[in-house]
Amino acid sequence: MNWDRIEGDWKQFAGKVKEKWAKLTDDDIAAVNGKREQLEGKIQERYGHDKDQVKKDVDDWHRSLK
């Protein structure tokens, strides 16, 4: 699955994002609006992880959706 599909169906995927990263608020999820870079930034902000770790975590989550 490519990221364009996630972006296009963001409302469906928002719940899965919230399950994976529970510290993200509903406002965070709404602000991300399917944009991967914004999602990574919000995860960094809430969890304090470095950029490389967040990228890997999002990649792993993305692969798990297939």
C-alpha atoms as a PDB file:
ATOM      1  CA  MET A   1       0.000   0.000   0.000  1.00  0.00           C
ATOM      2  CA  ASN A   2       1.380   3.381  -0.880  1.00  0.00           C
ATOM      3  CA  TRP A   3       1.204   6.444   1.317  1.00  0.00           C
ATOM      4  CA  ASP A   4      -1.151   8.202  -1.124  1.00  0.00           C
ATOM      5  CA  ARG A   5      -3.856   5.720  -0.151  1.00  0.00           C
ATOM      6  CA  ILE A   6      -3.322   6.453   3.537  1.00  0.00           C
ATOM      7  CA  GLU A   7      -3.486  10.164   2.836  1.00  0.00           C
ATOM      8  CA  GLY A   8      -6.660   9.780   0.780  1.00  0.00           C
ATOM      9  CA  ASP A   9      -8.387   7.605   3.390  1.00  0.00           C
ATOM     10  CA  TRP A  10      -6.933   9.389   6.422  1.00  0.00           C
ATOM     11  CA  LYS A  11     -10.148   9.258   8.445  1.00  0.00           C
ATOM     12  CA  GLN A  12     -10.100   5.455   8.207  1.00  0.00           C
ATOM     13  CA  PHE A  13      -6.430   5.224   9.162  1.00  0.00           C
ATOM     14  CA  ALA A  14      -6.588   7.815  11.939  1.00  0.00           C
ATOM     15  CA  GLY A  15      -7.934   5.234  14.389  1.00  0.00           C
ATOM     16  CA  LYS A  16      -5.058   2.874  13.623  1.00  0.00           C
ATOM     17  CA  VAL A  17      -2.590   5.707  14.135  1.00  0.00           C
ATOM     18  CA  LYS A  18      -4.195   6.507  17.477  1.00  0.00           C
ATOM     19  CA  GLU A  19      -3.929   2.828  18.516  1.00  0.00           C
ATOM     20  CA  LYS A  20      -0.231   2.745  17.669  1.00  0.00           C
ATOM     21  CA  TRP A  21       0.689   6.170  19.061  1.00  0.00           C
ATOM     22  CA  ALA A  22      -1.783   6.787  21.878  1.00  0.00           C
ATOM     23  CA  LYS A  23      -0.058   9.991  23.026  1.00  0.00           C
ATOM     24  CA  LEU A  24      -1.207  11.738  19.848  1.00  0.00           C
ATOM     25  CA  THR A  25      -4.255  13.875  20.496  1.00  0.00           C
ATOM     26  CA  ASP A  26      -7.283  14.126  18.248  1.00  0.00           C
ATOM     27  CA  ASP A  27      -6.059  17.602  17.317  1.00  0.00           C
ATOM     28  CA  ASP A  28      -2.656  16.133  16.354  1.00  0.00           C
ATOM     29  CA  ILE A  29      -4.349  13.529  14.173  1.00  0.00           C
ATOM     30  CA  ALA A  30      -6.533  16.171  12.519  1.00  0.00           C
ATOM     31  CA  ALA A  31      -3.542  18.452  11.888  1.00  0.00           C
ATOM     32  CA  VAL A  32      -1.544  15.626  10.277  1.00  0.00           C
ATOM     33  CA  ASN A  33      -4.357  15.042   7.766  1.00  0.00           C
ATOM     34  CA  GLY A  34      -2.522  12.088   6.220  1.00  0.00           C
ATOM     35  CA  LYS A  35       0.798  13.838   5.617  1.00  0.00           C
ATOM     36  CA  ARG A  36       3.627  11.506   6.542  1.00  0.00           C
ATOM     37  CA  GLU A  37       6.125  14.235   7.422  1.00  0.00           C
ATOM     38  CA  GLN A  38       3.634  15.885   9.742  1.00  0.00           C
ATOM     39  CA  LEU A  39       2.842  12.534  11.375  1.00  0.00           C
ATOM     40  CA  GLU A  40       6.539  11.923  11.974  1.00  0.00           C
ATOM     41  CA  GLY A  41       6.898  15.413  13.449  1.00  0.00           C
ATOM     42  CA  LYS A  42       3.977  14.932  15.838  1.00  0.00           C
ATOM     43  CA  ILE A  43       5.338  11.558  16.963  1.00  0.00           C
ATOM     44  CA  GLN A  44       8.749  13.146  17.606  1.00  0.00           C
ATOM     45  CA  GLU A  45       7.093  15.943  19.570  1.00  0.00           C
ATOM     46  CA  ARG A  46       4.944  13.660  21.750  1.00  0.00           C
ATOM     47  CA  TYR A  47       7.398  10.795  22.291  1.00  0.00           C
ATOM     48  CA  GLY A  48      10.765  12.547  22.169  1.00  0.00           C
ATOM     49  CA  HIS A  49      12.249  10.024  19.742  1.00  0.00           C
ATOM     50  CA  ASP A  50      14.885  11.024  17.207  1.00  0.00           C
ATOM     51  CA  LYS A  51      13.987  11.465  13.554  1.00  0.00           C
ATOM     52  CA  ASP A  52      15.566   8.194  12.374  1.00  0.00           C
ATOM     53  CA  GLN A  53      13.718   6.152  15.006  1.00  0.00           C
ATOM     54  CA  VAL A  54      10.392   7.778  14.155  1.00  0.00           C
ATOM     55  CA  LYS A  55      10.937   7.165  10.428  1.00  0.00           C
ATOM     56  CA  LYS A  56      11.644   3.478  11.147  1.00  0.00           C
ATOM     57  CA  ASP A  57       8.580   3.217  13.412  1.00  0.00           C
ATOM     58  CA  VAL A  58       6.321   4.757  10.765  1.00  0.00           C
ATOM     59  CA  ASP A  59       7.838   2.483   8.082  1.00  0.00           C
ATOM     60  CA  ASP A  60       7.174  -0.573  10.264  1.00  0.00           C
ATOM     61  CA  TRP A  61       3.619   0.541  10.962  1.00  0.00           C
ATOM     62  CA  HIS A  62       3.037   1.242   7.253  1.00  0.00           C
ATOM     63  CA  ARG A  63       4.298  -2.232   6.300  1.00  0.00           C
ATOM     64  CA  SER A  64       2.026  -3.829   8.899  1.00  0.00           C
ATOM     65  CA  LEU A  65      -1.035  -2.419   7.102  1.00  0.00           C
ATOM     66  CA  LYS A  66      -0.545  -4.537   4.006  1.00  0.00           C
END
